[in-house]
Structure formats: C-alpha cells, structure tokens
C-alpha cells in the first residue's frame, strides 16, 4: 500500500494488477518500456501455498483474477488485516472460465 501510494503520487501507475492465487502482483513499465512486476506472496507458509495448489484452483486458472490496488488500499485503511487481503480471490477457480476473452 505504501509503495503503491508513493508511486501514484509521482503519477506512476500499474498498467495491470492481478491476484494470481499464489501471489498478488502489480505490473509497471519503466521509461524504456520494460515490464516491472512487484509481487507479494498470498500464503504465509509454503505448506499453505502447497495446500492451495493441491486444491486444483491454479490448474483451472493459472492466470488469476484482476485486482484493484485502490481497493486494496481502501480495505487496509478500513482496518482489514494484511493476512485477509493476501489470499486467493474467492472466484479464482471459475473466473477464467466465466470471463472468456
């Protein structure tokens, strides 16, 4: 949240934000057009991540679900715990199927 707001104050905004299930990422472009990915894990331990991967959700949707960093900030500001925010989206398994390109 701090990094997002700091970059936003300098008019540097992500062109994409995703909750990948195993992690959440914001994607930026540097002045030369190179992609920069800032990512945080969505699971507190390797065991929890492996258990989630074993659920099959990632197999059904290896891309993830679009995320809104402004919403993340609002939820943190409202007192929601970091642990609650850093987890796979509830519709992860079905999102890709339900939103075809």
N, C-alpha and C. Protein backbone atom coordinates (compact mmCIF):
# COMPACT_ATOMS: atom_id res chain seq x y z
N UNK A 1 0.83 -1.18 0.00
CA UNK A 1 0.00 0.00 0.00
C UNK A 1 0.87 1.24 0.00
N UNK A 2 1.91 1.25 0.81
CA UNK A 2 2.79 2.43 0.89
C UNK A 2 3.49 2.65 -0.44
N UNK A 3 4.01 1.59 -1.04
CA UNK A 3 4.72 1.72 -2.31
C UNK A 3 3.76 2.15 -3.41
N UNK A 4 2.58 1.55 -3.48
CA UNK A 4 1.60 1.94 -4.49
C UNK A 4 1.28 3.42 -4.38
N UNK A 5 1.01 3.89 -3.17
CA UNK A 5 0.64 5.30 -2.99
C UNK A 5 1.82 6.23 -3.29
N UNK A 6 3.02 5.82 -2.93
CA UNK A 6 4.19 6.62 -3.21
C UNK A 6 4.40 6.77 -4.72
N UNK A 7 4.27 5.67 -5.45
CA UNK A 7 4.42 5.74 -6.90
C UNK A 7 3.27 6.52 -7.54
N UNK A 8 2.06 6.32 -7.04
CA UNK A 8 0.90 7.03 -7.57
C UNK A 8 1.07 8.55 -7.41
N UNK A 9 1.63 8.97 -6.29
CA UNK A 9 1.86 10.40 -6.05
C UNK A 9 2.80 11.00 -7.09
N UNK A 10 3.59 10.15 -7.73
CA UNK A 10 4.51 10.59 -8.79
C UNK A 10 3.95 10.26 -10.17
N UNK A 11 2.64 9.97 -10.22
CA UNK A 11 1.94 9.64 -11.47
C UNK A 11 2.46 8.36 -12.12
N UNK A 12 2.96 7.45 -11.30
CA UNK A 12 3.41 6.15 -11.78
C UNK A 12 2.36 5.14 -11.34
N UNK A 13 1.61 4.62 -12.31
CA UNK A 13 0.50 3.71 -12.01
C UNK A 13 0.72 2.36 -12.68
N UNK A 14 0.26 1.29 -12.05
CA UNK A 14 0.38 -0.02 -12.70
C UNK A 14 -0.55 -0.09 -13.91
N UNK A 15 -0.09 -0.77 -14.95
CA UNK A 15 -0.97 -0.97 -16.10
C UNK A 15 -1.79 -2.24 -15.93
N UNK A 16 -1.44 -3.07 -14.96
CA UNK A 16 -2.20 -4.28 -14.65
C UNK A 16 -1.92 -4.66 -13.21
N UNK A 17 -2.93 -5.17 -12.53
CA UNK A 17 -2.78 -5.73 -11.18
C UNK A 17 -3.55 -7.04 -11.16
N UNK A 18 -2.93 -8.07 -10.63
CA UNK A 18 -3.54 -9.40 -10.63
C UNK A 18 -3.36 -10.10 -9.29
N UNK A 19 -4.39 -10.85 -8.91
CA UNK A 19 -4.27 -11.81 -7.82
C UNK A 19 -4.11 -13.16 -8.50
N UNK A 20 -2.88 -13.69 -8.47
CA UNK A 20 -2.58 -14.94 -9.17
C UNK A 20 -2.91 -16.18 -8.33
N UNK A 21 -3.37 -15.99 -7.13
CA UNK A 21 -3.63 -17.12 -6.24
C UNK A 21 -2.44 -17.41 -5.36
N UNK A 22 -1.29 -17.68 -5.97
CA UNK A 22 -0.08 -17.91 -5.18
C UNK A 22 0.54 -16.59 -4.73
N UNK A 23 0.27 -15.53 -5.48
CA UNK A 23 0.80 -14.21 -5.17
C UNK A 23 -0.12 -13.15 -5.78
N UNK A 24 0.11 -11.91 -5.38
CA UNK A 24 -0.58 -10.78 -5.99
C UNK A 24 0.48 -9.84 -6.55
N UNK A 25 0.21 -9.30 -7.74
CA UNK A 25 1.23 -8.51 -8.44
C UNK A 25 0.65 -7.24 -9.03
N UNK A 26 1.51 -6.23 -9.09
CA UNK A 26 1.22 -5.02 -9.85
C UNK A 26 2.31 -4.92 -10.91
N UNK A 27 1.91 -4.58 -12.14
CA UNK A 27 2.83 -4.51 -13.26
C UNK A 27 2.96 -3.07 -13.72
N UNK A 28 4.21 -2.64 -13.84
CA UNK A 28 4.55 -1.28 -14.24
C UNK A 28 5.44 -1.34 -15.48
N UNK A 29 5.57 -0.22 -16.17
CA UNK A 29 6.53 -0.07 -17.26
C UNK A 29 7.54 1.01 -16.86
N UNK A 30 8.80 0.72 -17.08
CA UNK A 30 9.81 1.75 -16.82
C UNK A 30 9.88 2.68 -18.03
N UNK A 31 10.67 3.74 -17.96
CA UNK A 31 10.71 4.70 -19.08
C UNK A 31 11.13 4.09 -20.42
N UNK A 32 11.85 2.97 -20.39
CA UNK A 32 12.25 2.30 -21.63
C UNK A 32 11.24 1.27 -22.10
N UNK A 33 10.11 1.12 -21.37
CA UNK A 33 9.08 0.18 -21.76
C UNK A 33 9.25 -1.22 -21.18
N UNK A 34 10.27 -1.41 -20.34
CA UNK A 34 10.45 -2.71 -19.71
C UNK A 34 9.40 -2.95 -18.64
N UNK A 35 8.94 -4.18 -18.53
CA UNK A 35 7.95 -4.53 -17.51
C UNK A 35 8.64 -4.74 -16.17
N UNK A 36 8.04 -4.19 -15.14
CA UNK A 36 8.50 -4.39 -13.76
C UNK A 36 7.33 -4.96 -12.98
N UNK A 37 7.53 -6.10 -12.36
CA UNK A 37 6.49 -6.75 -11.57
C UNK A 37 6.83 -6.62 -10.10
N UNK A 38 5.92 -6.05 -9.33
CA UNK A 38 6.04 -6.01 -7.88
C UNK A 38 5.05 -7.03 -7.34
N UNK A 39 5.54 -7.96 -6.54
CA UNK A 39 4.69 -9.07 -6.11
C UNK A 39 4.85 -9.37 -4.64
N UNK A 40 3.78 -9.87 -4.04
CA UNK A 40 3.80 -10.34 -2.65
C UNK A 40 3.15 -11.72 -2.61
N UNK A 41 3.65 -12.61 -1.76
CA UNK A 41 3.02 -13.93 -1.66
C UNK A 41 1.64 -13.83 -1.02
N UNK A 42 0.75 -14.73 -1.41
CA UNK A 42 -0.60 -14.76 -0.84
C UNK A 42 -0.74 -15.77 0.29
N UNK A 43 0.31 -16.50 0.59
CA UNK A 43 0.24 -17.55 1.62
C UNK A 43 1.37 -17.34 2.62
N UNK A 44 1.04 -17.47 3.90
CA UNK A 44 2.01 -17.22 4.95
C UNK A 44 3.12 -18.26 5.01
N UNK A 45 2.83 -19.47 4.55
CA UNK A 45 3.83 -20.54 4.60
C UNK A 45 3.82 -21.32 3.29
N UNK A 46 4.91 -22.01 3.05
CA UNK A 46 5.00 -22.88 1.88
C UNK A 46 3.96 -23.99 1.95
N UNK A 47 3.70 -24.49 3.16
CA UNK A 47 2.71 -25.55 3.34
C UNK A 47 1.31 -25.07 2.94
N UNK A 48 0.96 -23.84 3.32
CA UNK A 48 -0.35 -23.29 2.95
C UNK A 48 -0.46 -23.09 1.44
N UNK A 49 0.63 -22.62 0.83
CA UNK A 49 0.61 -22.44 -0.62
C UNK A 49 0.47 -23.80 -1.31
N UNK A 50 1.21 -24.79 -0.87
CA UNK A 50 1.12 -26.11 -1.48
C UNK A 50 -0.27 -26.72 -1.31
N UNK A 51 -0.89 -26.49 -0.16
CA UNK A 51 -2.25 -26.99 0.06
C UNK A 51 -3.22 -26.32 -0.92
N UNK A 52 -3.06 -25.01 -1.13
CA UNK A 52 -3.93 -24.31 -2.08
C UNK A 52 -3.68 -24.84 -3.49
N UNK A 53 -2.42 -25.02 -3.87
CA UNK A 53 -2.12 -25.54 -5.19
C UNK A 53 -2.72 -26.93 -5.39
N UNK A 54 -2.73 -27.74 -4.34
CA UNK A 54 -3.30 -29.09 -4.43
C UNK A 54 -4.81 -29.06 -4.61
N UNK A 55 -5.45 -27.92 -4.32
CA UNK A 55 -6.92 -27.82 -4.47
C UNK A 55 -7.35 -27.87 -5.93
N UNK A 56 -6.44 -27.60 -6.85
CA UNK A 56 -6.78 -27.60 -8.27
C UNK A 56 -7.20 -26.23 -8.80
N UNK A 57 -7.34 -25.24 -7.92
CA UNK A 57 -7.77 -23.91 -8.38
C UNK A 57 -6.78 -23.32 -9.39
N UNK A 58 -5.48 -23.47 -9.13
CA UNK A 58 -4.48 -22.94 -10.04
C UNK A 58 -4.50 -23.68 -11.37
N UNK A 59 -4.76 -24.98 -11.33
CA UNK A 59 -4.85 -25.76 -12.57
C UNK A 59 -5.99 -25.25 -13.45
N UNK A 60 -7.09 -24.85 -12.84
CA UNK A 60 -8.25 -24.33 -13.58
C UNK A 60 -8.01 -22.91 -14.09
N UNK A 61 -7.20 -22.14 -13.37
CA UNK A 61 -6.97 -20.74 -13.73
C UNK A 61 -5.54 -20.34 -13.36
N UNK A 62 -4.57 -20.61 -14.23
CA UNK A 62 -3.19 -20.26 -13.90
C UNK A 62 -2.89 -18.76 -14.05
N UNK A 63 -3.81 -17.99 -14.59
CA UNK A 63 -3.59 -16.56 -14.79
C UNK A 63 -3.96 -15.75 -13.54
N UNK A 64 -5.12 -16.02 -12.99
CA UNK A 64 -5.57 -15.29 -11.81
C UNK A 64 -6.75 -14.39 -12.10
N UNK A 65 -6.96 -13.46 -11.20
CA UNK A 65 -8.12 -12.57 -11.22
C UNK A 65 -7.61 -11.12 -11.18
N UNK A 66 -8.10 -10.25 -12.05
CA UNK A 66 -7.69 -8.84 -11.97
C UNK A 66 -7.96 -8.28 -10.57
N UNK A 67 -7.07 -7.42 -10.14
CA UNK A 67 -7.18 -6.82 -8.81
C UNK A 67 -7.11 -5.30 -8.93
N UNK A 68 -7.65 -4.65 -7.94
CA UNK A 68 -7.68 -3.18 -7.91
C UNK A 68 -6.85 -2.69 -6.73
N UNK A 69 -5.66 -2.12 -6.98
CA UNK A 69 -4.83 -1.66 -5.86
C UNK A 69 -5.50 -0.57 -5.02
N UNK A 70 -6.37 0.22 -5.64
CA UNK A 70 -7.10 1.23 -4.86
C UNK A 70 -8.02 0.55 -3.86
N UNK A 71 -8.64 -0.56 -4.27
CA UNK A 71 -9.49 -1.32 -3.35
C UNK A 71 -8.66 -1.92 -2.22
N UNK A 72 -7.49 -2.45 -2.55
CA UNK A 72 -6.60 -2.98 -1.51
C UNK A 72 -6.31 -1.90 -0.47
N UNK A 73 -5.99 -0.70 -0.94
CA UNK A 73 -5.69 0.40 -0.02
C UNK A 73 -6.90 0.75 0.84
N UNK A 74 -8.07 0.84 0.22
CA UNK A 74 -9.29 1.17 1.00
C UNK A 74 -9.54 0.12 2.08
N UNK A 75 -9.35 -1.14 1.74
CA UNK A 75 -9.60 -2.21 2.70
C UNK A 75 -8.61 -2.17 3.86
N UNK A 76 -7.34 -1.89 3.57
CA UNK A 76 -6.35 -1.75 4.64
C UNK A 76 -6.68 -0.54 5.50
N UNK A 77 -7.02 0.57 4.87
CA UNK A 77 -7.38 1.79 5.61
C UNK A 77 -8.58 1.56 6.52
N UNK A 78 -9.48 0.66 6.09
CA UNK A 78 -10.67 0.35 6.88
C UNK A 78 -10.37 -0.63 8.02
N UNK A 79 -9.12 -1.10 8.09
CA UNK A 79 -8.75 -1.97 9.20
C UNK A 79 -8.65 -3.45 8.86
N UNK A 80 -8.86 -3.82 7.60
CA UNK A 80 -8.76 -5.22 7.23
C UNK A 80 -7.30 -5.68 7.35
N UNK A 81 -7.11 -6.87 7.83
CA UNK A 81 -5.75 -7.37 8.07
C UNK A 81 -5.05 -7.70 6.76
N UNK A 82 -3.75 -7.55 6.78
CA UNK A 82 -2.93 -7.92 5.64
C UNK A 82 -3.11 -9.39 5.30
N UNK A 83 -3.21 -10.23 6.32
CA UNK A 83 -3.40 -11.66 6.11
C UNK A 83 -4.70 -11.94 5.36
N UNK A 84 -5.74 -11.21 5.67
CA UNK A 84 -7.02 -11.41 4.99
C UNK A 84 -6.97 -10.94 3.54
N UNK A 85 -6.20 -9.90 3.26
CA UNK A 85 -6.08 -9.40 1.90
C UNK A 85 -5.21 -10.29 1.04
N UNK A 86 -4.19 -10.86 1.63
CA UNK A 86 -3.22 -11.66 0.88
C UNK A 86 -3.65 -13.12 0.85
N UNK A 87 -4.66 -13.38 0.03
CA UNK A 87 -5.12 -14.74 -0.18
C UNK A 87 -5.77 -14.81 -1.56
N UNK A 88 -5.93 -16.02 -2.08
CA UNK A 88 -6.54 -16.13 -3.41
C UNK A 88 -7.95 -15.54 -3.43
N UNK A 89 -8.32 -14.99 -4.56
CA UNK A 89 -9.67 -14.45 -4.75
C UNK A 89 -10.68 -15.59 -4.62
N UNK A 90 -11.84 -15.36 -3.99
CA UNK A 90 -12.83 -16.42 -3.81
C UNK A 90 -13.32 -17.04 -5.13
N UNK A 91 -13.27 -16.29 -6.22
CA UNK A 91 -13.72 -16.81 -7.52
C UNK A 91 -12.56 -17.24 -8.41
N UNK A 92 -11.41 -17.48 -7.81
CA UNK A 92 -10.22 -17.81 -8.60
C UNK A 92 -10.47 -18.97 -9.56
N UNK A 93 -11.00 -20.06 -9.05
CA UNK A 93 -11.16 -21.28 -9.86
C UNK A 93 -12.02 -21.02 -11.10
N UNK A 94 -13.09 -20.26 -10.95
CA UNK A 94 -14.05 -20.11 -12.04
C UNK A 94 -13.89 -18.83 -12.85
N UNK A 95 -13.06 -17.89 -12.40
CA UNK A 95 -13.01 -16.58 -13.04
C UNK A 95 -12.63 -16.67 -14.51
N UNK A 96 -11.62 -17.42 -14.84
CA UNK A 96 -11.15 -17.50 -16.23
C UNK A 96 -12.23 -18.10 -17.12
N UNK A 97 -12.91 -19.11 -16.63
CA UNK A 97 -13.99 -19.75 -17.39
C UNK A 97 -15.16 -18.78 -17.57
N UNK A 98 -15.46 -18.01 -16.53
CA UNK A 98 -16.61 -17.11 -16.56
C UNK A 98 -16.34 -15.79 -17.30
N UNK A 99 -15.08 -15.51 -17.62
CA UNK A 99 -14.70 -14.28 -18.30
C UNK A 99 -13.83 -14.60 -19.52
N UNK A 100 -14.39 -15.27 -20.52
CA UNK A 100 -13.58 -15.62 -21.70
C UNK A 100 -13.15 -14.37 -22.45
N UNK A 101 -12.06 -14.50 -23.12
CA UNK A 101 -11.55 -13.36 -23.91
C UNK A 101 -12.30 -13.25 -25.20
